[in-house]
Amino acid sequence: MTTQADHVDHELIQAATHIAATRCQGDNHTMAAAARAQDGRIVTAVNAYHFTGGPCAELVVIGAAAAQGAYDLDTIVAVGDRGRGVVPPCGRCRQVLLDYFPTLKVIIGASDSLRTVSITDLLPESYIWADHQLDAEQSSPISTS
């Protein structure tokens, strides 16, 4: 029996694979990402490599989704160019994805062992940025007297 956690969104992988094959050309764009919004839409993007540290495809897809009004992402996958297949998110992306979408599912694994895991599975015992922000109404002003 397939559970929700076991489900692999092959349409999402195909979307990212298509973008990687058709839009990743040269060294500036080597990764593609696809994310499924809660409403079912698929949003795609590519990374923007730069020696100063450009954004990964997963981070670009967050902005692309927001630009399209898709603020609640359900599942994400990244695919490398030149047929590299599914690539798990880097540490920075894992943290950002967790902070933006704490219930996000991530597709990982080699082509013969693809699986869907929770972002929290990729960052166990993690720091969650939102949990450590002071609420402006609760914080008291610093006295200067």
Protein backbone atom coordinates (compact mmCIF):
# COMPACT_ATOMS: atom_id res chain seq x y z
CA MET A 1 0.00 0.00 0.00
CA THR A 2 1.33 3.46 -0.92
CA THR A 3 1.11 6.08 1.79
CA GLN A 4 1.31 9.83 1.29
CA ALA A 5 4.92 9.76 2.54
CA ASP A 6 5.81 7.07 -0.01
CA HIS A 7 4.25 8.89 -2.98
CA VAL A 8 6.76 10.19 -5.51
CA ASP A 9 5.45 12.98 -7.75
CA HIS A 10 6.82 11.83 -11.11
CA GLU A 11 5.16 14.72 -12.94
CA LEU A 12 7.22 17.10 -10.79
CA ILE A 13 10.43 15.21 -11.58
CA GLN A 14 9.59 15.30 -15.29
CA ALA A 15 9.02 19.07 -15.13
CA ALA A 16 12.40 19.66 -13.46
CA THR A 17 14.14 17.24 -15.84
CA HIS A 18 12.66 19.04 -18.85
CA ILE A 19 13.85 22.44 -17.56
CA ALA A 20 17.32 21.04 -16.79
CA ALA A 21 17.57 19.61 -20.31
CA THR A 22 16.23 22.66 -22.15
CA ARG A 23 17.18 25.68 -20.05
CA CYS A 24 20.41 24.75 -18.28
CA GLN A 25 23.05 25.73 -20.78
CA GLY A 26 26.62 26.45 -19.81
CA ASP A 27 28.09 26.98 -16.38
CA ASN A 28 25.68 29.70 -15.21
CA HIS A 29 22.63 27.42 -15.01
CA THR A 30 23.36 23.82 -14.04
CA MET A 31 20.41 22.87 -11.81
CA ALA A 32 16.64 23.04 -12.23
CA ALA A 33 13.97 22.80 -9.57
CA ALA A 34 10.24 22.18 -9.71
CA ALA A 35 7.80 22.69 -6.87
CA ARG A 36 4.15 21.81 -6.60
CA ALA A 37 2.00 24.41 -4.85
CA GLN A 38 -0.86 23.41 -2.57
CA ASP A 39 -3.29 24.34 -5.36
CA GLY A 40 -1.61 21.86 -7.74
CA ARG A 41 0.36 24.31 -9.88
CA ILE A 42 3.93 23.42 -10.81
CA VAL A 43 6.53 26.19 -10.66
CA THR A 44 9.98 25.72 -12.19
CA ALA A 45 13.27 27.62 -12.01
CA VAL A 46 17.01 27.29 -12.58
CA ASN A 47 19.94 28.28 -10.43
CA ALA A 48 21.95 31.41 -11.13
CA TYR A 49 25.56 30.41 -10.53
CA HIS A 50 28.06 33.17 -9.79
CA PHE A 51 31.47 32.95 -8.17
CA THR A 52 30.23 35.25 -5.38
CA GLY A 53 27.52 32.72 -4.50
CA GLY A 54 24.40 32.78 -6.61
CA PRO A 55 21.11 31.26 -5.55
CA CYS A 56 20.40 27.57 -5.97
CA ALA A 57 17.45 26.46 -8.11
CA GLU A 58 15.41 25.61 -5.01
CA LEU A 59 15.73 29.19 -3.75
CA VAL A 60 14.93 30.68 -7.14
CA VAL A 61 11.78 28.54 -7.33
CA ILE A 62 10.59 30.04 -4.02
CA GLY A 63 10.74 33.52 -5.55
CA ALA A 64 9.22 32.38 -8.83
CA ALA A 65 6.35 30.75 -6.93
CA ALA A 66 5.73 33.91 -4.90
CA ALA A 67 5.75 35.98 -8.10
CA GLN A 68 2.94 33.73 -9.35
CA GLY A 69 0.98 33.98 -6.11
CA ALA A 70 1.88 30.46 -4.94
CA TYR A 71 2.94 30.95 -1.33
CA ASP A 72 2.26 27.45 -0.03
CA LEU A 73 4.53 24.84 -1.58
CA ASP A 74 3.82 21.16 -0.99
CA THR A 75 6.67 19.26 -2.70
CA ILE A 76 9.98 20.18 -4.34
CA VAL A 77 12.63 18.42 -6.39
CA ALA A 78 15.94 19.49 -7.92
CA VAL A 79 17.49 17.93 -11.03
CA GLY A 80 21.00 18.40 -12.38
CA ASP A 81 21.85 19.19 -15.98
CA ARG A 82 23.60 16.72 -18.30
CA GLY A 83 21.37 13.87 -17.13
CA ARG A 84 22.56 13.91 -13.50
CA GLY A 85 19.08 13.19 -12.22
CA VAL A 86 17.59 14.13 -8.87
CA VAL A 87 19.99 15.98 -6.57
CA PRO A 88 19.22 16.56 -2.87
CA PRO A 89 19.19 20.16 -1.61
CA CYS A 90 22.37 21.63 -0.14
CA GLY A 91 22.53 22.61 3.52
CA ARG A 92 21.62 26.26 2.93
CA CYS A 93 18.59 25.27 0.84
CA ARG A 94 17.49 22.75 3.45
CA GLN A 95 17.47 25.46 6.11
CA VAL A 96 15.65 28.02 3.93
CA LEU A 97 13.09 25.45 2.77
CA LEU A 98 12.45 24.44 6.38
CA ASP A 99 12.03 28.06 7.46
CA TYR A 100 9.62 28.90 4.64
CA PHE A 101 7.72 25.60 4.44
CA PRO A 102 8.08 23.45 7.58
CA THR A 103 5.73 20.78 6.18
CA LEU A 104 7.39 20.63 2.73
CA LYS A 105 8.08 17.26 1.12
CA VAL A 106 11.32 16.77 -0.82
CA ILE A 107 11.99 14.17 -3.50
CA ILE A 108 15.45 12.64 -3.17
CA GLY A 109 17.35 9.53 -4.20
CA ALA A 110 18.81 7.90 -7.27
CA SER A 111 16.52 7.07 -10.19
CA ASP A 112 16.07 3.49 -8.97
CA SER A 113 15.39 4.51 -5.36
CA LEU A 114 13.44 7.77 -5.49
CA ARG A 115 11.52 8.63 -2.36
CA THR A 116 9.69 11.54 -0.80
CA VAL A 117 10.74 12.72 2.64
CA SER A 118 9.80 15.58 4.90
CA ILE A 119 12.14 18.58 4.98
CA THR A 120 12.43 17.92 8.72
CA ASP A 121 13.86 14.46 7.91
CA LEU A 122 16.67 16.22 6.04
CA LEU A 123 17.39 18.50 9.01
CA PRO A 124 16.67 16.58 12.21
CA GLU A 125 17.01 18.53 15.46
CA SER A 126 17.22 21.69 13.37
CA TYR A 127 17.18 25.34 14.23
CA ILE A 128 13.94 26.91 13.03
CA TRP A 129 14.43 30.62 12.45
CA ALA A 130 10.79 31.59 13.12
CA ASP A 131 10.90 29.92 16.53
CA HIS A 132 13.64 32.32 17.65
CA GLN A 133 12.29 35.65 16.43
CA LEU A 134 11.07 38.13 19.00
CA ASP A 135 7.50 39.20 18.55
CA ALA A 136 7.56 43.00 18.19
CA GLU A 137 4.59 43.30 20.56
CA GLN A 138 6.29 41.21 23.24
CA SER A 139 9.71 42.83 23.11
CA SER A 140 10.26 45.75 25.40
CA PRO A 141 12.21 48.80 24.27
CA ILE A 142 15.75 49.16 25.54
CA SER A 143 16.05 51.91 28.08
CA THR A 144 18.54 54.63 27.19
CA SER A 145 18.39 56.45 30.49
